[in-house]
PDB file of N, CA and C in Angstrom:
ATOM      1  N   MET A   1      97.121  74.228 -54.457  1.00  0.00           N
ATOM      2  CA  MET A   1      97.561  74.874 -55.679  1.00  0.00           C
ATOM      3  C   MET A   1      97.471  73.883 -56.846  1.00  0.00           C
ATOM      4  N   LYS A   2      96.990  74.355 -57.970  1.00  0.00           N
ATOM      5  CA  LYS A   2      96.838  73.501 -59.140  1.00  0.00           C
ATOM      6  C   LYS A   2      98.205  73.210 -59.762  1.00  0.00           C
ATOM      7  N   HIS A   3      98.403  71.964 -60.147  1.00  0.00           N
ATOM      8  CA  HIS A   3      99.637  71.580 -60.813  1.00  0.00           C
ATOM      9  C   HIS A   3      99.458  71.797 -62.314  1.00  0.00           C
ATOM     10  N   PRO A   4     100.467  72.325 -63.013  1.00  0.00           N
ATOM     11  CA  PRO A   4     100.339  72.598 -64.448  1.00  0.00           C
ATOM     12  C   PRO A   4      99.962  71.370 -65.281  1.00  0.00           C
ATOM     13  N   VAL A   5     100.420  70.192 -64.892  1.00  0.00           N
ATOM     14  CA  VAL A   5     100.063  68.971 -65.635  1.00  0.00           C
ATOM     15  C   VAL A   5      98.575  68.678 -65.467  1.00  0.00           C
ATOM     16  N   ASP A   6      98.050  68.850 -64.263  1.00  0.00           N
ATOM     17  CA  ASP A   6      96.620  68.620 -64.029  1.00  0.00           C
ATOM     18  C   ASP A   6      95.777  69.603 -64.831  1.00  0.00           C
ATOM     19  N   ILE A   7      96.223  70.836 -64.926  1.00  0.00           N
ATOM     20  CA  ILE A   7      95.517  71.844 -65.718  1.00  0.00           C
ATOM     21  C   ILE A   7      95.530  71.453 -67.189  1.00  0.00           C
ATOM     22  N   HIS A   8      96.684  71.023 -67.690  1.00  0.00           N
ATOM     23  CA  HIS A   8      96.814  70.628 -69.095  1.00  0.00           C
ATOM     24  C   HIS A   8      95.918  69.430 -69.409  1.00  0.00           C
ATOM     25  N   VAL A   9      95.970  68.402 -68.577  1.00  0.00           N
ATOM     26  CA  VAL A   9      95.147  67.208 -68.788  1.00  0.00           C
ATOM     27  C   VAL A   9      93.671  67.592 -68.757  1.00  0.00           C
ATOM     28  N   GLY A  10      93.283  68.434 -67.825  1.00  0.00           N
ATOM     29  CA  GLY A  10      91.898  68.879 -67.735  1.00  0.00           C
ATOM     30  C   GLY A  10      91.443  69.612 -68.983  1.00  0.00           C
ATOM     31  N   LYS A  11      92.311  70.467 -69.515  1.00  0.00           N
ATOM     32  CA  LYS A  11      91.978  71.185 -70.748  1.00  0.00           C
ATOM     33  C   LYS A  11      91.807  70.221 -71.914  1.00  0.00           C
ATOM     34  N   ARG A  12      92.647  69.195 -71.950  1.00  0.00           N
ATOM     35  CA  ARG A  12      92.553  68.213 -73.038  1.00  0.00           C
ATOM     36  C   ARG A  12      91.267  67.387 -72.912  1.00  0.00           C
ATOM     37  N   VAL A  13      90.853  67.078 -71.673  1.00  0.00           N
ATOM     38  CA  VAL A  13      89.585  66.372 -71.459  1.00  0.00           C
ATOM     39  C   VAL A  13      88.449  67.238 -71.984  1.00  0.00           C
ATOM     40  N   ARG A  14      88.434  68.516 -71.580  1.00  0.00           N
ATOM     41  CA  ARG A  14      87.378  69.428 -72.016  1.00  0.00           C
ATOM     42  C   ARG A  14      87.385  69.589 -73.535  1.00  0.00           C
ATOM     43  N   HIS A  15      88.578  69.732 -74.112  1.00  0.00           N
ATOM     44  CA  HIS A  15      88.725  69.884 -75.564  1.00  0.00           C
ATOM     45  C   HIS A  15      88.112  68.693 -76.301  1.00  0.00           C
ATOM     46  N   ARG A  16      88.484  67.504 -75.891  1.00  0.00           N
ATOM     47  CA  ARG A  16      87.983  66.303 -76.577  1.00  0.00           C
ATOM     48  C   ARG A  16      86.481  66.128 -76.352  1.00  0.00           C
ATOM     49  N   ARG A  17      86.038  66.356 -75.130  1.00  0.00           N
ATOM     50  CA  ARG A  17      84.614  66.226 -74.819  1.00  0.00           C
ATOM     51  C   ARG A  17      83.812  67.189 -75.689  1.00  0.00           C
ATOM     52  N   TRP A  18      84.305  68.385 -75.807  1.00  0.00           N
ATOM     53  CA  TRP A  18      83.611  69.392 -76.597  1.00  0.00           C
ATOM     54  C   TRP A  18      83.626  69.030 -78.083  1.00  0.00           C
ATOM     55  N   MET A  19      84.763  68.529 -78.579  1.00  0.00           N
ATOM     56  CA  MET A  19      84.883  68.177 -80.000  1.00  0.00           C
ATOM     57  C   MET A  19      83.943  67.044 -80.387  1.00  0.00           C
ATOM     58  N   VAL A  20      83.680  66.125 -79.484  1.00  0.00           N
ATOM     59  CA  VAL A  20      82.764  65.029 -79.815  1.00  0.00           C
ATOM     60  C   VAL A  20      81.317  65.378 -79.476  1.00  0.00           C
ATOM     61  N   GLY A  21      81.102  66.585 -78.952  1.00  0.00           N
ATOM     62  CA  GLY A  21      79.744  67.029 -78.657  1.00  0.00           C
ATOM     63  C   GLY A  21      79.124  66.380 -77.430  1.00  0.00           C
ATOM     64  N   MET A  22      79.951  66.063 -76.456  1.00  0.00           N
ATOM     65  CA  MET A  22      79.478  65.401 -75.244  1.00  0.00           C
ATOM     66  C   MET A  22      79.404  66.410 -74.097  1.00  0.00           C
ATOM     67  N   THR A  23      78.370  66.326 -73.293  1.00  0.00           N
ATOM     68  CA  THR A  23      78.257  67.207 -72.127  1.00  0.00           C
ATOM     69  C   THR A  23      79.038  66.619 -70.954  1.00  0.00           C
ATOM     70  N   GLN A  24      79.238  67.444 -69.944  1.00  0.00           N
ATOM     71  CA  GLN A  24      79.882  66.944 -68.730  1.00  0.00           C
ATOM     72  C   GLN A  24      79.027  65.853 -68.095  1.00  0.00           C
ATOM     73  N   HIS A  25      77.730  66.028 -68.143  1.00  0.00           N
ATOM     74  CA  HIS A  25      76.817  65.007 -67.591  1.00  0.00           C
ATOM     75  C   HIS A  25      76.988  63.674 -68.315  1.00  0.00           C
ATOM     76  N   GLN A  26      77.060  63.729 -69.636  1.00  0.00           N
ATOM     77  CA  GLN A  26      77.192  62.493 -70.420  1.00  0.00           C
ATOM     78  C   GLN A  26      78.514  61.788 -70.131  1.00  0.00           C
ATOM     79  N   LEU A  27      79.594  62.551 -70.081  1.00  0.00           N
ATOM     80  CA  LEU A  27      80.897  61.940 -69.787  1.00  0.00           C
ATOM     81  C   LEU A  27      80.900  61.347 -68.384  1.00  0.00           C
ATOM     82  N   ALA A  28      80.354  62.088 -67.435  1.00  0.00           N
ATOM     83  CA  ALA A  28      80.306  61.594 -66.054  1.00  0.00           C
ATOM     84  C   ALA A  28      79.528  60.287 -65.973  1.00  0.00           C
ATOM     85  N   GLU A  29      78.425  60.233 -66.692  1.00  0.00           N
ATOM     86  CA  GLU A  29      77.613  59.013 -66.688  1.00  0.00           C
ATOM     87  C   GLU A  29      78.385  57.844 -67.269  1.00  0.00           C
ATOM     88  N   LYS A  30      79.132  58.080 -68.346  1.00  0.00           N
ATOM     89  CA  LYS A  30      79.902  57.004 -68.991  1.00  0.00           C
ATOM     90  C   LYS A  30      81.011  56.461 -68.094  1.00  0.00           C
ATOM     91  N   VAL A  31      81.583  57.322 -67.240  1.00  0.00           N
ATOM     92  CA  VAL A  31      82.676  56.856 -66.378  1.00  0.00           C
ATOM     93  C   VAL A  31      82.228  56.590 -64.945  1.00  0.00           C
ATOM     94  N   GLY A  32      80.932  56.802 -64.671  1.00  0.00           N
ATOM     95  CA  GLY A  32      80.383  56.433 -63.372  1.00  0.00           C
ATOM     96  C   GLY A  32      80.669  57.390 -62.231  1.00  0.00           C
ATOM     97  N   ILE A  33      80.692  58.686 -62.536  1.00  0.00           N
ATOM     98  CA  ILE A  33      80.916  59.689 -61.495  1.00  0.00           C
ATOM     99  C   ILE A  33      79.906  60.828 -61.660  1.00  0.00           C
ATOM    100  N   LYS A  34      79.955  61.811 -60.774  1.00  0.00           N
ATOM    101  CA  LYS A  34      79.080  62.981 -60.859  1.00  0.00           C
ATOM    102  C   LYS A  34      79.701  64.012 -61.802  1.00  0.00           C
ATOM    103  N   PHE A  35      78.835  64.797 -62.455  1.00  0.00           N
ATOM    104  CA  PHE A  35      79.361  65.780 -63.401  1.00  0.00           C
ATOM    105  C   PHE A  35      80.227  66.835 -62.720  1.00  0.00           C
ATOM    106  N   GLN A  36      79.986  67.082 -61.427  1.00  0.00           N
ATOM    107  CA  GLN A  36      80.801  68.055 -60.705  1.00  0.00           C
ATOM    108  C   GLN A  36      82.272  67.629 -60.664  1.00  0.00           C
ATOM    109  N   GLN A  37      82.482  66.309 -60.624  1.00  0.00           N
ATOM    110  CA  GLN A  37      83.848  65.805 -60.627  1.00  0.00           C
ATOM    111  C   GLN A  37      84.507  66.070 -61.977  1.00  0.00           C
ATOM    112  N   ILE A  38      83.754  65.936 -63.055  1.00  0.00           N
ATOM    113  CA  ILE A  38      84.282  66.265 -64.384  1.00  0.00           C
ATOM    114  C   ILE A  38      84.686  67.736 -64.412  1.00  0.00           C
ATOM    115  N   GLN A  39      83.854  68.612 -63.849  1.00  0.00           N
ATOM    116  CA  GLN A  39      84.180  70.040 -63.775  1.00  0.00           C
ATOM    117  C   GLN A  39      85.505  70.251 -63.059  1.00  0.00           C
ATOM    118  N   LYS A  40      85.692  69.563 -61.959  1.00  0.00           N
ATOM    119  CA  LYS A  40      86.928  69.716 -61.186  1.00  0.00           C
ATOM    120  C   LYS A  40      88.136  69.199 -61.956  1.00  0.00           C
ATOM    121  N   TYR A  41      87.962  68.090 -62.690  1.00  0.00           N
ATOM    122  CA  TYR A  41      89.051  67.585 -63.516  1.00  0.00           C
ATOM    123  C   TYR A  41      89.400  68.586 -64.612  1.00  0.00           C
ATOM    124  N   GLU A  42      88.380  69.117 -65.270  1.00  0.00           N
ATOM    125  CA  GLU A  42      88.608  70.009 -66.403  1.00  0.00           C
ATOM    126  C   GLU A  42      89.277  71.316 -66.007  1.00  0.00           C
ATOM    127  N   THR A  43      89.093  71.762 -64.797  1.00  0.00           N
ATOM    128  CA  THR A  43      89.737  72.994 -64.336  1.00  0.00           C
ATOM    129  C   THR A  43      91.097  72.721 -63.704  1.00  0.00           C
ATOM    130  N   GLY A  44      91.425  71.457 -63.499  1.00  0.00           N
ATOM    131  CA  GLY A  44      92.681  71.113 -62.852  1.00  0.00           C
ATOM    132  C   GLY A  44      92.605  71.193 -61.344  1.00  0.00           C
ATOM    133  N   MET A  45      91.411  71.436 -60.828  1.00  0.00           N
ATOM    134  CA  MET A  45      91.225  71.532 -59.371  1.00  0.00           C
ATOM    135  C   MET A  45      91.509  70.175 -58.721  1.00  0.00           C
ATOM    136  N   ASN A  46      91.048  69.097 -59.358  1.00  0.00           N
ATOM    137  CA  ASN A  46      91.318  67.746 -58.866  1.00  0.00           C
ATOM    138  C   ASN A  46      92.182  67.004 -59.875  1.00  0.00           C
ATOM    139  N   ARG A  47      93.069  66.197 -59.360  1.00  0.00           N
ATOM    140  CA  ARG A  47      93.948  65.372 -60.190  1.00  0.00           C
ATOM    141  C   ARG A  47      93.193  64.124 -60.633  1.00  0.00           C
ATOM    142  N   VAL A  48      93.357  63.751 -61.906  1.00  0.00           N
ATOM    143  CA  VAL A  48      92.694  62.570 -62.448  1.00  0.00           C
ATOM    144  C   VAL A  48      93.574  61.344 -62.181  1.00  0.00           C
ATOM    145  N   SER A  49      92.989  60.317 -61.586  1.00  0.00           N
ATOM    146  CA  SER A  49      93.755  59.092 -61.350  1.00  0.00           C
ATOM    147  C   SER A  49      93.977  58.366 -62.673  1.00  0.00           C
ATOM    148  N   ALA A  50      94.949  57.472 -62.681  1.00  0.00           N
ATOM    149  CA  ALA A  50      95.272  56.721 -63.896  1.00  0.00           C
ATOM    150  C   ALA A  50      94.074  55.900 -64.378  1.00  0.00           C
ATOM    151  N   SER A  51      93.380  55.240 -63.452  1.00  0.00           N
ATOM    152  CA  SER A  51      92.243  54.408 -63.862  1.00  0.00           C
ATOM    153  C   SER A  51      91.088  55.266 -64.384  1.00  0.00           C
ATOM    154  N   ARG A  52      90.876  56.427 -63.786  1.00  0.00           N
ATOM    155  CA  ARG A  52      89.811  57.316 -64.251  1.00  0.00           C
ATOM    156  C   ARG A  52      90.164  57.895 -65.613  1.00  0.00           C
ATOM    157  N   LEU A  53      91.446  58.222 -65.819  1.00  0.00           N
ATOM    158  CA  LEU A  53      91.886  58.730 -67.115  1.00  0.00           C
ATOM    159  C   LEU A  53      91.705  57.667 -68.187  1.00  0.00           C
ATOM    160  N   TRP A  54      91.973  56.433 -67.824  1.00  0.00           N
ATOM    161  CA  TRP A  54      91.773  55.301 -68.734  1.00  0.00           C
ATOM    162  C   TRP A  54      90.297  55.215 -69.143  1.00  0.00           C
ATOM    163  N   ASP A  55      89.394  55.326 -68.167  1.00  0.00           N
ATOM    164  CA  ASP A  55      87.955  55.266 -68.444  1.00  0.00           C
ATOM    165  C   ASP A  55      87.505  56.441 -69.318  1.00  0.00           C
ATOM    166  N   MET A  56      88.021  57.625 -69.044  1.00  0.00           N
ATOM    167  CA  MET A  56      87.645  58.795 -69.848  1.00  0.00           C
ATOM    168  C   MET A  56      88.172  58.665 -71.271  1.00  0.00           C
ATOM    169  N   ALA A  57      89.377  58.122 -71.425  1.00  0.00           N
ATOM    170  CA  ALA A  57      89.931  57.914 -72.764  1.00  0.00           C
ATOM    171  C   ALA A  57      89.031  56.971 -73.561  1.00  0.00           C
ATOM    172  N   ALA A  58      88.565  55.913 -72.920  1.00  0.00           N
ATOM    173  CA  ALA A  58      87.666  54.970 -73.598  1.00  0.00           C
ATOM    174  C   ALA A  58      86.346  55.646 -73.955  1.00  0.00           C
ATOM    175  N   ALA A  59      85.794  56.429 -73.035  1.00  0.00           N
ATOM    176  CA  ALA A  59      84.517  57.105 -73.272  1.00  0.00           C
ATOM    177  C   ALA A  59      84.632  58.147 -74.380  1.00  0.00           C
ATOM    178  N   LEU A  60      85.809  58.766 -74.493  1.00  0.00           N
ATOM    179  CA  LEU A  60      86.022  59.813 -75.492  1.00  0.00           C
ATOM    180  C   LEU A  60      86.693  59.285 -76.764  1.00  0.00           C
ATOM    181  N   ASN A  61      86.948  57.970 -76.784  1.00  0.00           N
ATOM    182  CA  ASN A  61      87.507  57.291 -77.953  1.00  0.00           C
ATOM    183  C   ASN A  61      88.858  57.866 -78.388  1.00  0.00           C
ATOM    184  N   VAL A  62      89.760  58.018 -77.425  1.00  0.00           N
ATOM    185  CA  VAL A  62      91.125  58.469 -77.697  1.00  0.00           C
ATOM    186  C   VAL A  62      92.086  57.631 -76.862  1.00  0.00           C
ATOM    187  N   PRO A  63      93.357  57.548 -77.282  1.00  0.00           N
ATOM    188  CA  PRO A  63      94.331  56.873 -76.417  1.00  0.00           C
ATOM    189  C   PRO A  63      94.629  57.761 -75.208  1.00  0.00           C
ATOM    190  N   VAL A  64      95.072  57.176 -74.126  1.00  0.00           N
ATOM    191  CA  VAL A  64      95.400  57.926 -72.919  1.00  0.00           C
ATOM    192  C   VAL A  64      96.440  59.002 -73.229  1.00  0.00           C
ATOM    193  N   SER A  65      97.340  58.712 -74.139  1.00  0.00           N
ATOM    194  CA  SER A  65      98.391  59.676 -74.487  1.00  0.00           C
ATOM    195  C   SER A  65      97.832  60.986 -75.033  1.00  0.00           C
ATOM    196  N   PHE A  66      96.603  60.973 -75.558  1.00  0.00           N
ATOM    197  CA  PHE A  66      95.977  62.185 -76.088  1.00  0.00           C
ATOM    198  C   PHE A  66      95.978  63.295 -75.044  1.00  0.00           C
ATOM    199  N   PHE A  67      95.733  62.946 -73.802  1.00  0.00           N
ATOM    200  CA  PHE A  67      95.607  63.945 -72.743  1.00  0.00           C
ATOM    201  C   PHE A  67      96.926  64.624 -72.406  1.00  0.00           C
ATOM    202  N   PHE A  68      98.041  64.020 -72.837  1.00  0.00           N
ATOM    203  CA  PHE A  68      99.351  64.585 -72.547  1.00  0.00           C
ATOM    204  C   PHE A  68      99.986  65.266 -73.759  1.00  0.00           C
ATOM    205  N   GLU A  69      99.336  65.179 -74.918  1.00  0.00           N
ATOM    206  CA  GLU A  69      99.878  65.816 -76.124  1.00  0.00           C
ATOM    207  C   GLU A  69      99.998  67.316 -75.905  1.00  0.00           C
ATOM    208  N   GLY A  70     101.122  67.873 -76.344  1.00  0.00           N
ATOM    209  CA  GLY A  70     101.351  69.303 -76.211  1.00  0.00           C
ATOM    210  C   GLY A  70     101.883  69.717 -74.857  1.00  0.00           C
ATOM    211  N   LEU A  71     102.055  68.773 -73.974  1.00  0.00           N
ATOM    212  CA  LEU A  71     102.527  69.098 -72.625  1.00  0.00           C
ATOM    213  C   LEU A  71     103.938  69.668 -72.663  1.00  0.00           C
ATOM    214  N   GLU A  72     104.772  69.192 -73.588  1.00  0.00           N
ATOM    215  CA  GLU A  72     106.136  69.693 -73.685  1.00  0.00           C
ATOM    216  C   GLU A  72     106.142  71.179 -74.025  1.00  0.00           C
ATOM    217  N   SER A  73     105.318  71.584 -74.989  1.00  0.00           N
ATOM    218  CA  SER A  73     105.284  73.001 -75.360  1.00  0.00           C
ATOM    219  C   SER A  73     104.665  73.830 -74.239  1.00  0.00           C
ATOM    220  N   HIS A  74     103.723  73.242 -73.506  1.00  0.00           N
ATOM    221  CA  HIS A  74     103.132  73.941 -72.367  1.00  0.00           C
ATOM    222  C   HIS A  74     104.199  74.196 -71.302  1.00  0.00           C
ATOM    223  N   ALA A  75     105.048  73.205 -71.079  1.00  0.00           N
ATOM    224  CA  ALA A  75     106.125  73.353 -70.101  1.00  0.00           C
ATOM    225  C   ALA A  75     107.111  74.415 -70.576  1.00  0.00           C
ATOM    226  N   GLN A  76     107.381  74.475 -71.875  1.00  0.00           N
ATOM    227  CA  GLN A  76     108.270  75.502 -72.412  1.00  0.00           C
ATOM    228  C   GLN A  76     107.656  76.879 -72.238  1.00  0.00           C
ATOM    229  N   ASP A  77     106.326  76.996 -72.442  1.00  0.00           N
ATOM    230  CA  ASP A  77     105.646  78.271 -72.236  1.00  0.00           C
ATOM    231  C   ASP A  77     105.840  78.747 -70.802  1.00  0.00           C
ATOM    232  N   MET A  78     105.753  77.827 -69.863  1.00  0.00           N
ATOM    233  CA  MET A  78     105.897  78.183 -68.455  1.00  0.00           C
ATOM    234  C   MET A  78     107.323  78.620 -68.147  1.00  0.00           C
ATOM    235  N   ASN A  79     108.289  78.128 -68.934  1.00  0.00           N
ATOM    236  CA  ASN A  79     109.688  78.484 -68.709  1.00  0.00           C
ATOM    237  C   ASN A  79     110.105  79.707 -69.521  1.00  0.00           C
ATOM    238  N   GLY A  80     109.151  80.361 -70.176  1.00  0.00           N
ATOM    239  CA  GLY A  80     109.462  81.583 -70.905  1.00  0.00           C
ATOM    240  C   GLY A  80     109.890  81.366 -72.340  1.00  0.00           C
ATOM    241  N   SER A  81     109.757  80.164 -72.870  1.00  0.00           N
ATOM    242  CA  SER A  81     110.124  79.909 -74.256  1.00  0.00           C
ATOM    243  C   SER A  81     109.093  80.530 -75.190  1.00  0.00           C
ATOM    244  N   ALA A  82     109.461  80.706 -76.419  1.00  0.00           N
ATOM    245  CA  ALA A  82     108.565  81.313 -77.403  1.00  0.00           C
ATOM    246  C   ALA A  82     107.785  80.258 -78.177  1.00  0.00           C
ATOM    247  N   ALA A  83     107.360  79.206 -77.516  1.00  0.00           N
ATOM    248  CA  ALA A  83     106.574  78.164 -78.190  1.00  0.00           C
ATOM    249  C   ALA A  83     105.200  78.713 -78.542  1.00  0.00           C
ATOM    250  N   PRO A  84     104.627  78.276 -79.672  1.00  0.00           N
ATOM    251  CA  PRO A  84     103.309  78.777 -80.056  1.00  0.00           C
ATOM    252  C   PRO A  84     102.244  78.335 -79.067  1.00  0.00           C
ATOM    253  N   SER A  85     101.262  79.210 -78.847  1.00  0.00           N
ATOM    254  CA  SER A  85     100.176  78.847 -77.931  1.00  0.00           C
ATOM    255  C   SER A  85      99.226  77.866 -78.616  1.00  0.00           C
ATOM    256  N   ASP A  86      98.449  77.164 -77.826  1.00  0.00           N
ATOM    257  CA  ASP A  86      97.514  76.172 -78.339  1.00  0.00           C
ATOM    258  C   ASP A  86      96.256  76.872 -78.830  1.00  0.00           C
ATOM    259  N   ILE A  87      96.127  76.998 -80.129  1.00  0.00           N
ATOM    260  CA  ILE A  87      94.984  77.700 -80.713  1.00  0.00           C
ATOM    261  C   ILE A  87      93.674  77.006 -80.366  1.00  0.00           C
ATOM    262  N   LEU A  88      93.701  75.700 -80.205  1.00  0.00           N
ATOM    263  CA  LEU A  88      92.473  74.983 -79.908  1.00  0.00           C
ATOM    264  C   LEU A  88      92.071  75.063 -78.442  1.00  0.00           C
ATOM    265  N   ALA A  89      92.823  75.798 -77.647  1.00  0.00           N
ATOM    266  CA  ALA A  89      92.408  76.044 -76.269  1.00  0.00           C
ATOM    267  C   ALA A  89      91.334  77.130 -76.234  1.00  0.00           C
ATOM    268  N   ASP A  90      91.196  77.865 -77.334  1.00  0.00           N
ATOM    269  CA  ASP A  90      90.209  78.935 -77.439  1.00  0.00           C
ATOM    270  C   ASP A  90      88.863  78.350 -77.875  1.00  0.00           C
ATOM    271  N   LYS A  91      87.817  78.638 -77.107  1.00  0.00           N
ATOM    272  CA  LYS A  91      86.494  78.068 -77.398  1.00  0.00           C
ATOM    273  C   LYS A  91      85.988  78.490 -78.772  1.00  0.00           C
ATOM    274  N   GLU A  92      86.241  79.738 -79.160  1.00  0.00           N
ATOM    275  CA  GLU A  92      85.789  80.221 -80.469  1.00  0.00           C
ATOM    276  C   GLU A  92      86.480  79.454 -81.594  1.00  0.00           C
ATOM    277  N   ALA A  93      87.769  79.191 -81.434  1.00  0.00           N
ATOM    278  CA  ALA A  93      88.505  78.433 -82.443  1.00  0.00           C
ATOM    279  C   ALA A  93      87.976  77.007 -82.535  1.00  0.00           C
ATOM    280  N   LEU A  94      87.671  76.394 -81.397  1.00  0.00           N
ATOM    281  CA  LEU A  94      87.107  75.045 -81.405  1.00  0.00           C
ATOM    282  C   LEU A  94      85.764  75.020 -82.123  1.00  0.00           C
ATOM    283  N   GLU A  95      84.942  76.028 -81.841  1.00  0.00           N
ATOM    284  CA  GLU A  95      83.636  76.088 -82.487  1.00  0.00           C
ATOM    285  C   GLU A  95      83.781  76.268 -83.994  1.00  0.00           C
ATOM    286  N   LEU A  96      84.755  77.070 -84.406  1.00  0.00           N
ATOM    287  CA  LEU A  96      85.007  77.273 -85.828  1.00  0.00           C
ATOM    288  C   LEU A  96      85.429  75.972 -86.503  1.00  0.00           C
ATOM    289  N   VAL A  97      86.334  75.240 -85.877  1.00  0.00           N
ATOM    290  CA  VAL A  97      86.799  73.963 -86.443  1.00  0.00           C
ATOM    291  C   VAL A  97      85.647  72.965 -86.523  1.00  0.00           C
ATOM    292  N   ARG A  98      84.865  72.906 -85.482  1.00  0.00           N
ATOM    293  CA  ARG A  98      83.725  71.983 -85.461  1.00  0.00           C
ATOM    294  C   ARG A  98      82.725  72.328 -86.562  1.00  0.00           C
ATOM    295  N   SER A  99      82.428  73.601 -86.721  1.00  0.00           N
ATOM    296  CA  SER A  99      81.502  74.047 -87.758  1.00  0.00           C
ATOM    297  C   SER A  99      82.074  73.781 -89.146  1.00  0.00           C
ATOM    298  N   TYR A 100      83.366  74.016 -89.300  1.00  0.00           N
ATOM    299  CA  TYR A 100      84.039  73.796 -90.575  1.00  0.00           C
ATOM    300  C   TYR A 100      83.870  72.351 -91.039  1.00  0.00           C
ATOM    301  N   TYR A 101      84.077  71.404 -90.134  1.00  0.00           N
ATOM    302  CA  TYR A 101      83.977  69.999 -90.516  1.00  0.00           C
ATOM    303  C   TYR A 101      82.537  69.520 -90.657  1.00  0.00           C
ATOM    304  N   ALA A 102      81.582  70.341 -90.262  1.00  0.00           N
ATOM    305  CA  ALA A 102      80.174  70.004 -90.480  1.00  0.00           C
ATOM    306  C   ALA A 102      79.730  70.368 -91.893  1.00  0.00           C
ATOM    307  N   ILE A 103      80.544  71.164 -92.588  1.00  0.00           N
ATOM    308  CA  ILE A 103      80.230  71.582 -93.962  1.00  0.00           C
ATOM    309  C   ILE A 103      80.568  70.430 -94.906  1.00  0.00           C
ATOM    310  N   PRO A 104      79.726  70.168 -95.925  1.00  0.00           N
ATOM    311  CA  PRO A 104      80.046  69.125 -96.905  1.00  0.00           C
ATOM    312  C   PRO A 104      81.421  69.368 -97.536  1.00  0.00           C
ATOM    313  N   GLU A 105      82.115  68.273 -97.865  1.00  0.00           N
ATOM    314  CA  GLU A 105      83.517  68.353 -98.279  1.00  0.00           C
ATOM    315  C   GLU A 105      83.771  69.284 -99.461  1.00  0.00           C
ATOM    316  N   ASN A 106      82.945  69.235-100.493  1.00  0.00           N
ATOM    317  CA  ASN A 106      83.211  70.082-101.657  1.00  0.00           C
ATOM    318  C   ASN A 106      83.072  71.569-101.304  1.00  0.00           C
ATOM    319  N   GLN A 107      82.100  71.908-100.492  1.00  0.00           N
ATOM    320  CA  GLN A 107      81.941  73.296-100.057  1.00  0.00           C
ATOM    321  C   GLN A 107      83.059  73.690 -99.093  1.00  0.00           C
ATOM    322  N   ARG A 108      83.471  72.738 -98.272  1.00  0.00           N
ATOM    323  CA  ARG A 108      84.544  72.992 -97.310  1.00  0.00           C
ATOM    324  C   ARG A 108      85.842  73.334 -98.039  1.00  0.00           C
ATOM    325  N   ARG A 109      86.136  72.638 -99.144  1.00  0.00           N
ATOM    326  CA  ARG A 109      87.346  72.940 -99.922  1.00  0.00           C
ATOM    327  C   ARG A 109      87.297  74.357-100.487  1.00  0.00           C
ATOM    328  N   ARG A 110      86.123  74.758-100.978  1.00  0.00           N
ATOM    329  CA  ARG A 110      85.982  76.109-101.527  1.00  0.00           C
ATOM    330  C   ARG A 110      86.137  77.155-100.421  1.00  0.00           C
ATOM    331  N   LEU A 111      85.582  76.883 -99.270  1.00  0.00           N
ATOM    332  CA  LEU A 111      85.718  77.801 -98.140  1.00  0.00           C
ATOM    333  C   LEU A 111      87.183  77.917 -97.722  1.00  0.00           C
ATOM    334  N   PHE A 112      87.889  76.801 -97.730  1.00  0.00           N
ATOM    335  CA  PHE A 112      89.301  76.794 -97.382  1.00  0.00           C
ATOM    336  C   PHE A 112      90.099  77.654 -98.363  1.00  0.00           C
ATOM    337  N   GLU A 113      89.819  77.499 -99.643  1.00  0.00           N
ATOM    338  CA  GLU A 113      90.515  78.302-100.660  1.00  0.00           C
ATOM    339  C   GLU A 113      90.210  79.783-100.477  1.00  0.00           C
ATOM    340  N   LEU A 114      88.962  80.118-100.171  1.00  0.00           N
ATOM    341  CA  LEU A 114      88.589  81.505 -99.915  1.00  0.00           C
ATOM    342  C   LEU A 114      89.372  82.057 -98.721  1.00  0.00           C
ATOM    343  N   ALA A 115      89.465  81.279 -97.665  1.00  0.00           N
ATOM    344  CA  ALA A 115      90.197  81.712 -96.477  1.00  0.00           C
ATOM    345  C   ALA A 115      91.672  81.947 -96.798  1.00  0.00           C
ATOM    346  N   ARG A 116      92.254  81.075 -97.618  1.00  0.00           N
ATOM    347  CA  ARG A 116      93.663  81.247 -98.012  1.00  0.00           C
ATOM    348  C   ARG A 116      93.856  82.525 -98.795  1.00  0.00           C
ATOM    349  N   VAL A 117      92.942  82.811 -99.731  1.00  0.00           N
ATOM    350  CA  VAL A 117      93.029  84.031-100.526  1.00  0.00           C
ATOM    351  C   VAL A 117      92.899  85.260 -99.624  1.00  0.00           C
ATOM    352  N   LEU A 118      91.919  85.225 -98.722  1.00  0.00           N
ATOM    353  CA  LEU A 118      91.723  86.355 -97.820  1.00  0.00           C
ATOM    354  C   LEU A 118      92.914  86.566 -96.906  1.00  0.00           C
ATOM    355  N   SER A 119      93.538  85.495 -96.438  1.00  0.00           N
ATOM    356  CA  SER A 119      94.681  85.656 -95.550  1.00  0.00           C
ATOM    357  C   SER A 119      95.904  86.174 -96.305  1.00  0.00           C
ATOM    358  N   ASP A 120      96.006  85.860 -97.599  1.00  0.00           N
ATOM    359  CA  ASP A 120      97.110  86.387 -98.408  1.00  0.00           C
ATOM    360  C   ASP A 120      96.969  87.892 -98.647  1.00  0.00           C
ATOM    361  N   VAL A 121      95.732  88.358 -98.723  1.00  0.00           N
ATOM    362  CA  VAL A 121      95.452  89.781 -98.952  1.00  0.00           C
ATOM    363  C   VAL A 121      95.732  90.586 -97.702  1.00  0.00           C
ATOM    364  N   ALA A 122      95.445  89.998 -96.534  1.00  0.00           N
ATOM    365  CA  ALA A 122      95.572  90.741 -95.259  1.00  0.00           C
ATOM    366  C   ALA A 122      96.996  91.104 -94.920  1.00  0.00           C
TER     367      ALA A 122
END
């Protein structure tokens, strides 16, 4: 049975890997394992060891603590609390954020203002 912490850490690995535009193959190569193992980590099927998490953090250029961020709210969700869900767990939302930051800054500001106006109307 998958442990909720392993699932959370796996999602954070996938989130960061995706945000930096790295494939499972590329991450696996950087940490010296097969890409299938990355798949298992990302789904929470296999637990990530401390040393492997350290290597992945270095490869993804984040502190190890990054993988545990939001774990408290995830635990509250499991206990029935009304904590907000992680919007960046949605692939479409991640793609939107990634595309947004690919837009030049001056155009991005105008797009942001447009989005604010549209959300006020809705």
